[in-house]
Amino acid sequence: MKRSRADMKMLAIERERRRLKKLQHMLQLRAEGGPFYGALDLGTNNCRLLIARPLPKGGFRVVDAFSRIVRLGEGIARSGRLSEAAQARTMEALRICANKLRFWNVRRQHLIATQACRHAENGAAFLARVKQELGLELDIIDAETEARLAATGACPLIDREARHVLVFDIGGGSTELLWVEQRPDGSRHMVDWTSLPEGVVTLSERYGGDIITPQAYAAMRAHVHDAMAAFAHRLRTAGLPQQPCHLLGTSGTVTTIAGVALGLSRYDRCRVDGCWITSRQAHDISTRLRAMSLAERQQIGCITAQRADLVVAGCAILEEIIAIWPAQRIRVADRGLREGILTQLMQEDGHGRPTQT
């Protein structure tokens, strides 16, 4: 239904009212004082920023956040390079991040780049440009550091009764798998890990993201199977159980599936972060999504048009994880690298107790 001019004007007024209210709240928080910490994660698909301040009894309070799909790694599997269009999109997002870091007068920060910049032959050159033009110094971290930071950020959601948990992070250009042991004293230890050089962007570019035939979907799963199976074999050889107590997922894939399972008309982090879904639910929703056209997936509110062509590839990776490690329950984490970075920075400064992963 077409809105009238009066309706459009009222919507614009309401948006401006919310914007001013948010700005007033931010100014109040800034006036209360810091210290403020910053964490930026530049991945293959997303650019994400969190700014937070430590709480007296441990943990932190997020005061500002930013997330934008930039698809920095678009086409990288074919060309081996970051395209000019992808760099332009990413620079625009990073400029917003730089302004936010200045607004909050952030003194302690860690800004990281992952798979796209690791893999691209011009990744380092792009980050040099970012430093020169925006004053942001990003570190290209290795896969193990990425895995450990993701675990640090997500592992507080491990069930207290669980002894062995498989943590997974399905990214745009890579997928990290971590076997985490929780000890009786509550400490957590990352027993082993692996990183697959495939994520939702690279897999979608290889097999398609619009119409996914059963054959293409099976090929996606087969493509990631061998690396996952090799990791599972390594765990069995070490005498670890084949079935974890539960899975813990941190990625756009698992949060999107959780949103669909909860029946959300639009994504709501407060309802998704920390929720539980069953492996059966994940399978059923994956089956539904891959049977839809791209246009049909775009109509699902918690998927949005920007993710609709990527979500099926994520489903293929998730289903393969569930097939190899058949836990009945999945804990969903809308947290990960950025939260891990903030936790690490604050612990280095004496805020909170050390976390082992």
Protein backbone atom coordinates (compact mmCIF):
# COMPACT_ATOMS: atom_id res chain seq x y z
CA MET A 1 0.00 0.00 0.00
CA LYS A 2 1.37 3.38 -1.04
CA ARG A 3 1.87 5.82 1.83
CA SER A 4 0.51 9.34 1.66
CA ARG A 5 2.75 12.40 1.88
CA ALA A 6 1.46 13.02 5.40
CA ASP A 7 2.41 9.47 6.42
CA MET A 8 5.86 9.83 4.90
CA LYS A 9 6.35 13.12 6.73
CA MET A 10 5.32 11.55 10.05
CA LEU A 11 7.75 8.65 9.48
CA ALA A 12 10.58 11.09 8.76
CA ILE A 13 9.75 13.06 11.92
CA GLU A 14 9.73 9.86 13.98
CA ARG A 15 13.10 8.75 12.55
CA GLU A 16 14.60 12.12 13.38
CA ARG A 17 13.13 11.98 16.90
CA ARG A 18 14.73 8.57 17.47
CA ARG A 19 18.03 9.79 16.06
CA LEU A 20 18.13 12.78 18.38
CA LYS A 21 17.15 10.65 21.36
CA LYS A 22 19.97 8.22 20.59
CA LEU A 23 22.46 11.08 20.20
CA GLN A 24 21.35 12.58 23.52
CA HIS A 25 21.83 9.21 25.21
CA MET A 26 25.31 8.83 23.70
CA LEU A 27 26.32 12.30 24.83
CA GLN A 28 25.18 11.46 28.34
CA LEU A 29 27.21 8.24 28.35
CA ARG A 30 30.28 10.04 27.06
CA ALA A 31 29.90 12.71 29.75
CA GLU A 32 29.87 9.97 32.42
CA GLY A 33 33.40 9.12 31.38
CA GLY A 34 35.36 6.06 30.30
CA PRO A 35 37.73 4.53 29.77
CA PHE A 36 36.30 3.48 26.43
CA TYR A 37 37.61 0.50 24.46
CA GLY A 38 37.17 -0.24 20.76
CA ALA A 39 37.10 -3.47 18.77
CA LEU A 40 36.75 -3.64 14.99
CA ASP A 41 36.39 -6.81 12.94
CA LEU A 42 36.81 -6.42 9.18
CA GLY A 43 35.84 -9.71 7.61
CA THR A 44 35.12 -11.03 4.15
CA ASN A 45 31.48 -9.98 4.33
CA ASN A 46 31.03 -7.56 7.24
CA CYS A 47 32.63 -4.56 8.90
CA ARG A 48 31.72 -4.49 12.60
CA LEU A 49 32.67 -2.15 15.43
CA LEU A 50 31.95 -2.24 19.16
CA ILE A 51 32.82 0.47 21.67
CA ALA A 52 32.41 -0.35 25.35
CA ARG A 53 33.51 0.56 28.85
CA PRO A 54 34.34 -1.92 31.63
CA LEU A 55 31.93 -2.55 34.48
CA PRO A 56 33.16 -2.48 38.11
CA LYS A 57 32.27 -6.13 38.77
CA GLY A 58 33.57 -7.48 35.46
CA GLY A 59 32.26 -7.54 31.93
CA PHE A 60 31.51 -4.43 29.95
CA ARG A 61 28.72 -2.19 28.72
CA VAL A 62 28.46 -1.50 25.00
CA VAL A 63 27.99 2.23 24.39
CA ASP A 64 28.07 2.23 20.59
CA ALA A 65 28.06 -0.29 17.77
CA PHE A 66 28.20 -0.39 14.00
CA SER A 67 27.74 -3.18 11.48
CA ARG A 68 27.57 -3.06 7.71
CA ILE A 69 27.75 -5.70 4.99
CA VAL A 70 30.60 -4.56 2.72
CA ARG A 71 31.51 -7.80 0.91
CA LEU A 72 35.18 -6.97 0.89
CA GLY A 73 36.00 -10.46 -0.34
CA GLU A 74 33.61 -10.37 -3.28
CA GLY A 75 35.21 -12.09 -6.29
CA ILE A 76 38.45 -12.81 -4.46
CA ALA A 77 38.25 -16.55 -5.11
CA ARG A 78 38.50 -15.86 -8.86
CA SER A 79 40.86 -12.89 -8.98
CA GLY A 80 42.91 -13.24 -5.80
CA ARG A 81 42.50 -9.49 -5.27
CA LEU A 82 40.23 -7.05 -3.46
CA SER A 83 38.20 -5.27 -6.13
CA GLU A 84 38.02 -1.49 -6.38
CA ALA A 85 34.26 -1.56 -5.76
CA ALA A 86 34.68 -3.68 -2.62
CA GLN A 87 37.43 -1.40 -1.35
CA ALA A 88 35.24 1.66 -1.92
CA ARG A 89 32.33 0.13 0.04
CA THR A 90 34.66 -0.84 2.86
CA MET A 91 36.34 2.57 3.03
CA GLU A 92 32.93 4.18 3.45
CA ALA A 93 32.11 1.87 6.37
CA LEU A 94 35.55 2.33 7.95
CA ARG A 95 35.18 6.11 7.75
CA ILE A 96 32.07 5.81 9.95
CA CYS A 97 34.03 3.62 12.37
CA ALA A 98 36.87 6.16 12.52
CA ASN A 99 34.40 8.92 13.37
CA LYS A 100 32.85 6.84 16.13
CA LEU A 101 36.24 6.05 17.66
CA ARG A 102 37.05 9.76 17.67
CA PHE A 103 33.66 10.71 19.13
CA TRP A 104 34.22 8.40 22.11
CA ASN A 105 37.88 9.36 22.46
CA VAL A 106 38.85 5.69 22.46
CA ARG A 107 42.40 5.22 23.73
CA ARG A 108 42.60 1.41 23.82
CA GLN A 109 41.56 -0.40 20.70
CA HIS A 110 42.36 -3.37 18.53
CA LEU A 111 41.27 -3.29 14.92
CA ILE A 112 41.61 -6.55 13.00
CA ALA A 113 41.21 -7.87 9.47
CA THR A 114 40.65 -11.54 8.74
CA GLN A 115 40.34 -13.92 5.79
CA ALA A 116 39.79 -11.50 2.88
CA CYS A 117 42.88 -9.45 3.70
CA ARG A 118 44.85 -12.59 4.60
CA HIS A 119 44.12 -14.13 1.22
CA ALA A 120 44.15 -11.14 -1.16
CA GLU A 121 47.46 -10.27 -2.77
CA ASN A 122 46.59 -6.57 -2.30
CA GLY A 123 45.24 -6.99 1.24
CA ALA A 124 48.22 -5.34 2.92
CA ALA A 125 48.19 -2.51 0.38
CA PHE A 126 44.53 -1.85 1.10
CA LEU A 127 45.17 -1.63 4.84
CA ALA A 128 48.06 0.76 4.20
CA ARG A 129 45.58 2.96 2.31
CA VAL A 130 43.15 2.75 5.23
CA LYS A 131 45.87 3.92 7.61
CA GLN A 132 46.93 6.78 5.35
CA GLU A 133 43.43 8.08 4.56
CA LEU A 134 41.52 7.30 7.76
CA GLY A 135 44.20 6.95 10.43
CA LEU A 136 43.02 3.44 11.32
CA GLU A 137 45.69 0.80 11.80
CA LEU A 138 44.28 -2.69 11.22
CA ASP A 139 46.18 -5.88 11.98
CA ILE A 140 45.79 -8.93 9.74
CA ILE A 141 45.44 -11.73 12.28
CA ASP A 142 46.11 -15.39 11.60
CA ALA A 143 43.43 -18.08 11.71
CA GLU A 144 44.41 -19.36 15.16
CA THR A 145 44.17 -15.89 16.72
CA GLU A 146 40.79 -15.46 15.03
CA ALA A 147 39.59 -18.76 16.49
CA ARG A 148 40.80 -17.93 20.00
CA LEU A 149 39.20 -14.48 19.98
CA ALA A 150 35.90 -15.91 18.75
CA ALA A 151 36.02 -18.48 21.55
CA THR A 152 36.80 -15.83 24.17
CA GLY A 153 33.80 -13.81 23.03
CA ALA A 154 31.29 -16.65 22.71
CA CYS A 155 32.33 -19.17 25.38
CA PRO A 156 30.52 -17.46 28.29
CA LEU A 157 27.38 -18.98 26.71
CA ILE A 158 28.58 -22.56 27.20
CA ASP A 159 26.12 -24.51 29.37
CA ARG A 160 27.50 -24.82 32.89
CA GLU A 161 26.86 -28.57 32.88
CA ALA A 162 28.59 -29.18 29.54
CA ARG A 163 32.04 -30.73 29.52
CA HIS A 164 32.78 -30.81 25.78
CA VAL A 165 31.44 -28.25 23.31
CA LEU A 166 32.09 -27.67 19.63
CA VAL A 167 32.22 -23.94 18.88
CA PHE A 168 31.84 -22.84 15.26
CA ASP A 169 32.12 -19.51 13.49
CA ILE A 170 30.85 -19.52 9.90
CA GLY A 171 32.33 -16.41 8.32
CA GLY A 172 32.32 -14.92 4.86
CA GLY A 173 35.65 -16.38 3.74
CA SER A 174 36.50 -19.00 6.36
CA THR A 175 34.91 -21.24 8.98
CA GLU A 176 36.54 -21.88 12.35
CA LEU A 177 35.83 -24.99 14.43
CA LEU A 178 36.99 -25.26 18.04
CA TRP A 179 36.70 -28.15 20.50
CA VAL A 180 36.42 -26.61 23.96
CA GLU A 181 36.65 -28.48 27.26
CA GLN A 182 34.98 -27.01 30.33
CA ARG A 183 36.55 -28.06 33.61
CA PRO A 184 34.81 -28.53 36.97
CA ASP A 185 36.10 -25.16 38.23
CA GLY A 186 34.36 -23.43 35.31
CA SER A 187 37.54 -22.67 33.36
CA ARG A 188 37.57 -23.43 29.64
CA HIS A 189 40.36 -24.82 27.50
CA MET A 190 40.54 -24.89 23.70
CA VAL A 191 41.72 -28.45 23.10
CA ASP A 192 42.01 -28.22 19.32
CA TRP A 193 40.86 -26.09 16.43
CA THR A 194 40.83 -25.84 12.68
CA SER A 195 40.06 -23.24 10.05
CA LEU A 196 38.43 -24.04 6.70
CA PRO A 197 39.20 -21.58 3.88
CA GLU A 198 35.51 -21.54 2.91
CA GLY A 199 32.66 -19.33 4.11
CA VAL A 200 29.30 -18.10 2.90
CA VAL A 201 30.74 -15.67 0.33
CA THR A 202 33.27 -18.01 -1.24
CA LEU A 203 30.86 -20.97 -1.28
CA SER A 204 28.04 -18.88 -2.79
CA GLU A 205 30.32 -17.58 -5.52
CA ARG A 206 31.41 -21.12 -6.32
CA TYR A 207 27.97 -22.80 -6.37
CA GLY A 208 25.49 -19.93 -6.67
CA GLY A 209 23.27 -18.05 -4.25
CA ASP A 210 20.04 -17.60 -6.24
CA ILE A 211 18.48 -20.88 -7.33
CA ILE A 212 20.10 -23.73 -5.40
CA THR A 213 19.40 -27.15 -6.87
CA PRO A 214 19.61 -30.25 -4.65
CA GLN A 215 22.75 -31.20 -6.58
CA ALA A 216 24.40 -27.83 -5.94
CA TYR A 217 23.51 -28.01 -2.24
CA ALA A 218 24.96 -31.51 -1.98
CA ALA A 219 28.10 -30.25 -3.72
CA MET A 220 28.43 -27.42 -1.18
CA ARG A 221 28.28 -29.90 1.69
CA ALA A 222 30.73 -32.27 0.00
CA HIS A 223 33.13 -29.40 -0.61
CA VAL A 224 33.49 -28.66 3.12
CA HIS A 225 33.10 -32.25 4.31
CA ASP A 226 36.65 -33.51 3.91
CA ALA A 227 38.28 -30.78 6.00
CA MET A 228 35.67 -31.17 8.74
CA ALA A 229 35.98 -34.96 8.70
CA ALA A 230 39.75 -34.71 9.04
CA PHE A 231 39.29 -32.52 12.14
CA ALA A 232 36.76 -34.99 13.60
CA HIS A 233 39.24 -37.82 13.01
CA ARG A 234 41.93 -35.85 14.81
CA LEU A 235 39.65 -35.40 17.81
CA ARG A 236 38.76 -39.11 17.91
CA THR A 237 42.45 -40.03 17.69
CA ALA A 238 43.02 -37.84 20.75
CA GLY A 239 40.40 -39.89 22.62
CA LEU A 240 37.71 -37.20 22.65
CA PRO A 241 34.02 -38.08 22.33
CA GLN A 242 32.45 -37.86 18.87
CA GLN A 243 29.32 -36.15 20.19
CA PRO A 244 29.73 -32.85 22.07
CA CYS A 245 27.33 -31.91 24.86
CA HIS A 246 26.06 -29.15 22.62
CA LEU A 247 27.13 -26.92 19.73
CA LEU A 248 27.79 -23.21 20.14
CA GLY A 249 27.49 -21.14 16.99
CA THR A 250 28.54 -17.56 16.38
CA SER A 251 27.85 -16.27 12.90
CA GLY A 252 25.30 -14.59 10.70
CA THR A 253 24.15 -18.03 9.55
CA VAL A 254 23.18 -19.41 12.94
CA THR A 255 21.72 -16.12 14.20
CA THR A 256 19.61 -15.86 11.04
CA ILE A 257 18.32 -19.42 11.43
CA ALA A 258 17.54 -18.68 15.07
CA GLY A 259 15.60 -15.58 14.03
CA VAL A 260 13.53 -17.67 11.63
CA ALA A 261 12.99 -20.34 14.30
CA LEU A 262 11.75 -17.67 16.72
CA GLY A 263 9.38 -16.32 14.07
CA LEU A 264 10.85 -12.81 14.19
CA SER A 265 9.48 -10.35 11.66
CA ARG A 266 12.74 -8.41 12.03
CA TYR A 267 16.01 -9.36 13.65
CA ASP A 268 16.21 -8.80 17.42
CA ARG A 269 19.60 -9.40 19.02
CA CYS A 270 18.17 -9.43 22.54
CA ARG A 271 16.01 -12.45 21.69
CA VAL A 272 18.58 -14.27 19.57
CA ASP A 273 21.79 -13.95 21.60
CA GLY A 274 21.93 -16.85 24.06
CA CYS A 275 18.85 -18.66 22.77
CA TRP A 276 18.73 -22.39 22.08
CA ILE A 277 17.58 -24.14 18.92
CA THR A 278 17.56 -27.84 18.15
CA SER A 279 19.53 -29.48 15.39
CA ARG A 280 16.20 -30.64 13.96
CA GLN A 281 15.01 -27.02 13.76
CA ALA A 282 18.24 -26.02 12.00
CA HIS A 283 17.78 -28.85 9.49
CA ASP A 284 14.11 -28.07 8.83
CA ILE A 285 14.76 -24.34 8.34
CA SER A 286 17.73 -25.06 6.08
CA THR A 287 15.49 -27.30 3.97
CA ARG A 288 12.88 -24.54 3.73
CA LEU A 289 15.36 -21.86 2.79
CA ARG A 290 17.12 -23.79 0.03
CA ALA A 291 13.74 -24.64 -1.53
CA MET A 292 12.89 -20.92 -1.82
CA SER A 293 13.80 -18.55 -4.60
CA LEU A 294 16.08 -15.60 -3.89
CA ALA A 295 13.07 -13.26 -3.96
CA GLU A 296 11.22 -15.42 -1.40
CA ARG A 297 14.21 -15.45 0.95
CA GLN A 298 14.46 -11.68 0.64
CA GLN A 299 10.93 -11.36 2.01
CA ILE A 300 11.89 -12.99 5.32
CA GLY A 301 12.40 -10.06 7.68
CA CYS A 302 15.32 -11.39 9.70
CA ILE A 303 17.27 -12.40 6.57
CA THR A 304 17.06 -9.16 4.55
CA ALA A 305 18.04 -8.67 0.91
CA GLN A 306 21.74 -8.35 1.77
CA ARG A 307 21.99 -11.88 3.19
CA ALA A 308 19.45 -13.72 1.04
CA ASP A 309 22.00 -14.93 -1.51
CA LEU A 310 24.44 -16.10 1.19
CA VAL A 311 22.27 -17.85 3.75
CA VAL A 312 21.91 -21.15 1.86
CA ALA A 313 25.69 -21.61 1.69
CA GLY A 314 25.74 -21.03 5.45
CA CYS A 315 23.03 -23.66 5.86
CA ALA A 316 25.16 -26.17 3.92
CA ILE A 317 28.13 -25.58 6.22
CA LEU A 318 25.94 -25.76 9.33
CA GLU A 319 24.23 -28.97 8.24
CA GLU A 320 27.59 -30.61 7.63
CA ILE A 321 28.73 -29.59 11.12
CA ILE A 322 25.57 -31.11 12.62
CA ALA A 323 26.02 -34.32 10.60
CA ILE A 324 29.58 -34.85 11.81
CA TRP A 325 29.01 -33.70 15.41
CA PRO A 326 25.39 -34.79 16.09
CA ALA A 327 24.54 -32.80 19.19
CA GLN A 328 20.83 -32.27 19.78
CA ARG A 329 21.08 -28.64 20.89
CA ILE A 330 22.73 -25.51 19.49
CA ARG A 331 23.38 -22.40 21.59
CA VAL A 332 23.24 -19.26 19.48
CA ALA A 333 25.68 -16.42 20.09
CA ASP A 334 25.32 -12.98 18.55
CA ARG A 335 28.82 -12.25 19.80
CA GLY A 336 32.31 -13.35 18.94
CA LEU A 337 35.48 -11.66 17.72
CA ARG A 338 34.69 -8.12 18.85
CA GLU A 339 33.60 -9.26 22.31
CA GLY A 340 36.73 -11.41 22.54
CA ILE A 341 38.91 -8.43 21.66
CA LEU A 342 37.23 -6.21 24.25
CA THR A 343 37.52 -8.88 26.92
CA GLN A 344 41.21 -9.35 26.17
CA LEU A 345 41.99 -5.62 26.19
CA MET A 346 40.16 -5.02 29.44
CA GLN A 347 41.77 -8.00 31.16
CA GLU A 348 45.19 -6.71 30.13
CA ASP A 349 44.29 -3.47 31.94
CA GLY A 350 43.12 -5.31 35.06
CA HIS A 351 39.36 -5.26 34.43
CA GLY A 352 37.70 -8.62 35.10
CA ARG A 353 39.25 -12.01 35.65
CA PRO A 354 41.34 -13.84 33.04
CA THR A 355 39.49 -16.22 30.71
CA GLN A 356 41.24 -19.34 29.44
CA THR A 357 40.41 -20.67 26.00
